[in-house]
Amino acid sequence: MIARAKSATMTPLRADGRMTMRIVMLTLAAIASCVPAMAQLAIKLPIAKGLWTNDNQKCATVRYGYVFDGTRWGSLYFYGPNGNLGPAAELRPITQTRVVEGGFTQMQFDGYDGAGYFRVKATGTDRALYRVGAPFREEIQVLDEPLIRCALQTLSPKMQAAIRRHAPAAAK
């Protein structure tokens, strides 16, 4: 119960001198927002950190790919008519992984695990198969992409700079 104020101003104290629940909650929220975020733990995937691109691409000239930096997965690419714009990075924190059928590891983002999925499995040294399942009408459409990992030193200086900027942990 909140004590009634004798004037138009409200008091944070009840008649017995205790703080109101609202003040307590606001104080706790303010304190919690000041605590530094905990560092995300490394995620285990069956592939190495780095830039992964389609297996029909050449590492020296690649303009797009997927990046795994130990905690995040997503796209890193240059765009425009000649790949002269960008880079753009769409990396999302992986919150959980689990092994599923076929030897794939499924990645979960933002604690959400819906009908669609993102899976990866190693198929050899610096080779992987990336499988995306997307809901479509009454089925799941599955897209498989054979990938290769490009070592940082084999990439163009422009792509190396993009990785160092957007995914520095993948550049190590």
C-alpha atoms as a PDB file:
ATOM      1  CA  MET A   1       0.000   0.000   0.000  1.00  0.00           C
ATOM      2  CA  ILE A   2       1.268   3.413  -0.878  1.00  0.00           C
ATOM      3  CA  ALA A   3       0.667   6.170   1.621  1.00  0.00           C
ATOM      4  CA  ARG A   4      -1.410   9.062   0.453  1.00  0.00           C
ATOM      5  CA  ALA A   5       0.470  12.302   0.217  1.00  0.00           C
ATOM      6  CA  LYS A   6      -0.812  15.321   2.080  1.00  0.00           C
ATOM      7  CA  SER A   7      -0.030  17.516  -0.920  1.00  0.00           C
ATOM      8  CA  ALA A   8       0.093  17.113  -4.701  1.00  0.00           C
ATOM      9  CA  THR A   9       3.617  15.689  -4.487  1.00  0.00           C
ATOM     10  CA  MET A  10       4.136  11.986  -3.895  1.00  0.00           C
ATOM     11  CA  THR A  11       6.512  10.573  -1.357  1.00  0.00           C
ATOM     12  CA  PRO A  12       8.505   7.380  -1.894  1.00  0.00           C
ATOM     13  CA  LEU A  13       7.904   6.353   1.723  1.00  0.00           C
ATOM     14  CA  ARG A  14       4.887   4.614   3.129  1.00  0.00           C
ATOM     15  CA  ALA A  15       3.328   5.785   6.354  1.00  0.00           C
ATOM     16  CA  ASP A  16       5.523   3.339   8.251  1.00  0.00           C
ATOM     17  CA  GLY A  17       8.701   4.756   6.636  1.00  0.00           C
ATOM     18  CA  ARG A  18       9.355   1.940   4.129  1.00  0.00           C
ATOM     19  CA  MET A  19      10.034   2.622   0.453  1.00  0.00           C
ATOM     20  CA  THR A  20       7.333   1.863  -2.073  1.00  0.00           C
ATOM     21  CA  MET A  21       7.709  -1.147  -4.348  1.00  0.00           C
ATOM     22  CA  ARG A  22       7.884   1.134  -7.375  1.00  0.00           C
ATOM     23  CA  ILE A  23      10.947   2.950  -6.054  1.00  0.00           C
ATOM     24  CA  VAL A  24      12.596  -0.355  -5.155  1.00  0.00           C
ATOM     25  CA  MET A  25      11.978  -1.761  -8.653  1.00  0.00           C
ATOM     26  CA  LEU A  26      13.248   1.398 -10.365  1.00  0.00           C
ATOM     27  CA  THR A  27      16.360   1.384  -8.207  1.00  0.00           C
ATOM     28  CA  LEU A  28      17.079  -2.276  -8.984  1.00  0.00           C
ATOM     29  CA  ALA A  29      16.562  -1.671 -12.700  1.00  0.00           C
ATOM     30  CA  ALA A  30      18.979   1.267 -12.627  1.00  0.00           C
ATOM     31  CA  ILE A  31      21.605  -0.782 -10.803  1.00  0.00           C
ATOM     32  CA  ALA A  32      21.210  -3.738 -13.169  1.00  0.00           C
ATOM     33  CA  SER A  33      21.639  -1.533 -16.216  1.00  0.00           C
ATOM     34  CA  CYS A  34      24.965  -0.273 -14.867  1.00  0.00           C
ATOM     35  CA  VAL A  35      26.480  -3.749 -14.432  1.00  0.00           C
ATOM     36  CA  PRO A  36      28.759  -4.603 -17.369  1.00  0.00           C
ATOM     37  CA  ALA A  37      27.477  -7.387 -19.582  1.00  0.00           C
ATOM     38  CA  MET A  38      29.144 -10.748 -19.070  1.00  0.00           C
ATOM     39  CA  ALA A  39      31.379 -11.869 -21.884  1.00  0.00           C
ATOM     40  CA  GLN A  40      29.721 -14.503 -24.026  1.00  0.00           C
ATOM     41  CA  LEU A  41      31.285 -17.927 -23.723  1.00  0.00           C
ATOM     42  CA  ALA A  42      32.811 -19.490 -26.813  1.00  0.00           C
ATOM     43  CA  ILE A  43      30.409 -21.623 -28.819  1.00  0.00           C
ATOM     44  CA  LYS A  44      31.431 -25.074 -30.027  1.00  0.00           C
ATOM     45  CA  LEU A  45      30.906 -25.681 -33.719  1.00  0.00           C
ATOM     46  CA  PRO A  46      32.544 -28.438 -35.776  1.00  0.00           C
ATOM     47  CA  ILE A  47      34.284 -25.796 -37.907  1.00  0.00           C
ATOM     48  CA  ALA A  48      37.159 -23.374 -37.326  1.00  0.00           C
ATOM     49  CA  LYS A  49      36.807 -19.635 -36.843  1.00  0.00           C
ATOM     50  CA  GLY A  50      37.150 -17.546 -39.960  1.00  0.00           C
ATOM     51  CA  LEU A  51      35.509 -16.582 -43.224  1.00  0.00           C
ATOM     52  CA  TRP A  52      33.576 -19.337 -44.992  1.00  0.00           C
ATOM     53  CA  THR A  53      32.416 -18.899 -48.575  1.00  0.00           C
ATOM     54  CA  ASN A  54      30.871 -21.015 -51.318  1.00  0.00           C
ATOM     55  CA  ASP A  55      33.240 -23.678 -52.599  1.00  0.00           C
ATOM     56  CA  ASN A  56      33.125 -22.283 -56.145  1.00  0.00           C
ATOM     57  CA  GLN A  57      34.694 -18.966 -55.043  1.00  0.00           C
ATOM     58  CA  LYS A  58      38.369 -17.973 -54.967  1.00  0.00           C
ATOM     59  CA  CYS A  59      39.564 -16.717 -51.596  1.00  0.00           C
ATOM     60  CA  ALA A  60      41.680 -13.925 -53.119  1.00  0.00           C
ATOM     61  CA  THR A  61      38.671 -12.332 -54.830  1.00  0.00           C
ATOM     62  CA  VAL A  62      35.754 -13.313 -52.593  1.00  0.00           C
ATOM     63  CA  ARG A  63      33.304 -10.490 -51.796  1.00  0.00           C
ATOM     64  CA  TYR A  64      30.904 -12.355 -49.527  1.00  0.00           C
ATOM     65  CA  GLY A  65      30.885 -15.147 -47.018  1.00  0.00           C
ATOM     66  CA  TYR A  66      29.868 -16.323 -43.587  1.00  0.00           C
ATOM     67  CA  VAL A  67      31.929 -15.528 -40.518  1.00  0.00           C
ATOM     68  CA  PHE A  68      32.272 -17.613 -37.375  1.00  0.00           C
ATOM     69  CA  ASP A  69      34.219 -15.754 -34.699  1.00  0.00           C
ATOM     70  CA  GLY A  70      33.775 -18.124 -31.777  1.00  0.00           C
ATOM     71  CA  THR A  71      30.521 -16.595 -30.511  1.00  0.00           C
ATOM     72  CA  ARG A  72      28.740 -15.212 -33.593  1.00  0.00           C
ATOM     73  CA  TRP A  73      27.727 -16.404 -37.063  1.00  0.00           C
ATOM     74  CA  GLY A  74      26.524 -14.390 -40.004  1.00  0.00           C
ATOM     75  CA  SER A  75      27.195 -12.735 -43.319  1.00  0.00           C
ATOM     76  CA  LEU A  76      30.006 -10.361 -44.207  1.00  0.00           C
ATOM     77  CA  TYR A  77      29.937  -8.930 -47.695  1.00  0.00           C
ATOM     78  CA  PHE A  78      30.631  -6.116 -50.096  1.00  0.00           C
ATOM     79  CA  TYR A  79      27.794  -5.064 -52.375  1.00  0.00           C
ATOM     80  CA  GLY A  80      27.102  -2.845 -55.355  1.00  0.00           C
ATOM     81  CA  PRO A  81      27.690  -3.357 -59.065  1.00  0.00           C
ATOM     82  CA  ASN A  82      31.332  -4.345 -58.597  1.00  0.00           C
ATOM     83  CA  GLY A  83      31.371  -5.108 -54.891  1.00  0.00           C
ATOM     84  CA  ASN A  84      32.697  -1.613 -54.293  1.00  0.00           C
ATOM     85  CA  LEU A  85      30.267  -0.707 -51.485  1.00  0.00           C
ATOM     86  CA  GLY A  86      30.409  -1.861 -47.907  1.00  0.00           C
ATOM     87  CA  PRO A  87      31.368  -3.887 -46.089  1.00  0.00           C
ATOM     88  CA  ALA A  88      28.107  -4.943 -44.473  1.00  0.00           C
ATOM     89  CA  ALA A  89      28.096  -7.325 -41.537  1.00  0.00           C
ATOM     90  CA  GLU A  90      25.077  -9.245 -40.285  1.00  0.00           C
ATOM     91  CA  LEU A  91      26.519 -11.244 -37.407  1.00  0.00           C
ATOM     92  CA  ARG A  92      24.304 -12.600 -34.646  1.00  0.00           C
ATOM     93  CA  PRO A  93      25.294 -14.103 -31.309  1.00  0.00           C
ATOM     94  CA  ILE A  94      24.861 -17.866 -31.155  1.00  0.00           C
ATOM     95  CA  THR A  95      23.104 -18.610 -27.882  1.00  0.00           C
ATOM     96  CA  GLN A  96      23.075 -22.400 -28.088  1.00  0.00           C
ATOM     97  CA  THR A  97      24.189 -25.301 -30.260  1.00  0.00           C
ATOM     98  CA  ARG A  98      23.181 -28.933 -30.375  1.00  0.00           C
ATOM     99  CA  VAL A  99      24.080 -31.945 -32.488  1.00  0.00           C
ATOM    100  CA  VAL A 100      21.239 -33.107 -34.735  1.00  0.00           C
ATOM    101  CA  GLU A 101      20.743 -35.859 -37.303  1.00  0.00           C
ATOM    102  CA  GLY A 102      23.182 -36.276 -40.154  1.00  0.00           C
ATOM    103  CA  GLY A 103      26.188 -35.077 -38.144  1.00  0.00           C
ATOM    104  CA  PHE A 104      25.091 -31.430 -38.277  1.00  0.00           C
ATOM    105  CA  THR A 105      25.324 -28.936 -35.432  1.00  0.00           C
ATOM    106  CA  GLN A 106      22.308 -26.672 -35.191  1.00  0.00           C
ATOM    107  CA  MET A 107      22.826 -23.055 -34.158  1.00  0.00           C
ATOM    108  CA  GLN A 108      20.255 -21.171 -32.125  1.00  0.00           C
ATOM    109  CA  PHE A 109      20.186 -17.368 -32.102  1.00  0.00           C
ATOM    110  CA  ASP A 110      18.710 -15.049 -29.460  1.00  0.00           C
ATOM    111  CA  GLY A 111      17.242 -17.983 -27.550  1.00  0.00           C
ATOM    112  CA  TYR A 112      14.775 -18.621 -30.378  1.00  0.00           C
ATOM    113  CA  ASP A 113      14.316 -22.073 -31.856  1.00  0.00           C
ATOM    114  CA  GLY A 114      11.470 -21.992 -34.372  1.00  0.00           C
ATOM    115  CA  ALA A 115      10.501 -24.068 -37.385  1.00  0.00           C
ATOM    116  CA  GLY A 116      13.460 -22.891 -39.482  1.00  0.00           C
ATOM    117  CA  TYR A 117      17.041 -23.820 -38.722  1.00  0.00           C
ATOM    118  CA  PHE A 118      20.722 -23.101 -39.409  1.00  0.00           C
ATOM    119  CA  ARG A 119      23.066 -26.096 -39.369  1.00  0.00           C
ATOM    120  CA  VAL A 120      26.689 -26.742 -40.195  1.00  0.00           C
ATOM    121  CA  LYS A 121      28.884 -29.823 -40.402  1.00  0.00           C
ATOM    122  CA  ALA A 122      32.539 -30.303 -41.243  1.00  0.00           C
ATOM    123  CA  THR A 123      33.143 -32.321 -44.408  1.00  0.00           C
ATOM    124  CA  GLY A 124      36.940 -32.135 -44.458  1.00  0.00           C
ATOM    125  CA  THR A 125      39.807 -29.823 -43.604  1.00  0.00           C
ATOM    126  CA  ASP A 126      38.516 -26.267 -44.132  1.00  0.00           C
ATOM    127  CA  ARG A 127      35.381 -27.656 -45.802  1.00  0.00           C
ATOM    128  CA  ALA A 128      31.835 -27.645 -44.480  1.00  0.00           C
ATOM    129  CA  LEU A 129      28.228 -28.037 -45.486  1.00  0.00           C
ATOM    130  CA  TYR A 130      25.880 -25.249 -44.394  1.00  0.00           C
ATOM    131  CA  ARG A 131      22.214 -26.241 -44.316  1.00  0.00           C
ATOM    132  CA  VAL A 132      19.360 -23.781 -43.909  1.00  0.00           C
ATOM    133  CA  GLY A 133      15.797 -24.964 -43.410  1.00  0.00           C
ATOM    134  CA  ALA A 134      13.135 -22.328 -44.045  1.00  0.00           C
ATOM    135  CA  PRO A 135       9.391 -22.709 -43.546  1.00  0.00           C
ATOM    136  CA  PHE A 136       7.461 -22.386 -46.807  1.00  0.00           C
ATOM    137  CA  ARG A 137       3.744 -23.067 -46.979  1.00  0.00           C
ATOM    138  CA  GLU A 138       3.291 -26.481 -45.397  1.00  0.00           C
ATOM    139  CA  GLU A 139       6.866 -27.694 -45.660  1.00  0.00           C
ATOM    140  CA  ILE A 140      10.459 -26.853 -44.822  1.00  0.00           C
ATOM    141  CA  GLN A 141      12.601 -25.890 -47.791  1.00  0.00           C
ATOM    142  CA  VAL A 142      16.186 -27.034 -47.352  1.00  0.00           C
ATOM    143  CA  LEU A 143      19.154 -25.278 -48.936  1.00  0.00           C
ATOM    144  CA  ASP A 144      22.626 -26.841 -48.759  1.00  0.00           C
ATOM    145  CA  GLU A 145      25.731 -24.735 -49.428  1.00  0.00           C
ATOM    146  CA  PRO A 146      29.147 -26.415 -49.665  1.00  0.00           C
ATOM    147  CA  LEU A 147      31.633 -24.018 -48.052  1.00  0.00           C
ATOM    148  CA  ILE A 148      35.390 -23.575 -47.873  1.00  0.00           C
ATOM    149  CA  ARG A 149      37.283 -21.647 -45.209  1.00  0.00           C
ATOM    150  CA  CYS A 150      39.584 -18.919 -46.450  1.00  0.00           C
ATOM    151  CA  ALA A 151      42.640 -18.257 -44.301  1.00  0.00           C
ATOM    152  CA  LEU A 152      42.945 -14.565 -43.473  1.00  0.00           C
ATOM    153  CA  GLN A 153      46.210 -14.116 -45.391  1.00  0.00           C
ATOM    154  CA  THR A 154      44.626 -15.503 -48.601  1.00  0.00           C
ATOM    155  CA  LEU A 155      41.909 -12.822 -48.664  1.00  0.00           C
ATOM    156  CA  SER A 156      42.119  -9.443 -50.373  1.00  0.00           C
ATOM    157  CA  PRO A 157      43.348  -6.569 -48.168  1.00  0.00           C
ATOM    158  CA  LYS A 158      39.823  -5.115 -48.324  1.00  0.00           C
ATOM    159  CA  MET A 159      38.226  -8.326 -46.998  1.00  0.00           C
ATOM    160  CA  GLN A 160      40.946  -8.711 -44.358  1.00  0.00           C
ATOM    161  CA  ALA A 161      40.166  -5.194 -43.111  1.00  0.00           C
ATOM    162  CA  ALA A 162      36.437  -5.999 -43.036  1.00  0.00           C
ATOM    163  CA  ILE A 163      37.044  -9.074 -40.886  1.00  0.00           C
ATOM    164  CA  ARG A 164      39.359  -7.184 -38.526  1.00  0.00           C
ATOM    165  CA  ARG A 165      36.721  -4.461 -38.180  1.00  0.00           C
ATOM    166  CA  HIS A 166      33.548  -6.543 -37.809  1.00  0.00           C
ATOM    167  CA  ALA A 167      34.838  -9.846 -36.415  1.00  0.00           C
ATOM    168  CA  PRO A 168      38.282  -9.316 -34.888  1.00  0.00           C
ATOM    169  CA  ALA A 169      38.146 -12.655 -33.049  1.00  0.00           C
ATOM    170  CA  ALA A 170      37.940 -14.411 -36.439  1.00  0.00           C
ATOM    171  CA  ALA A 171      41.130 -12.656 -37.574  1.00  0.00           C
ATOM    172  CA  LYS A 172      43.279 -14.353 -34.936  1.00  0.00           C
END
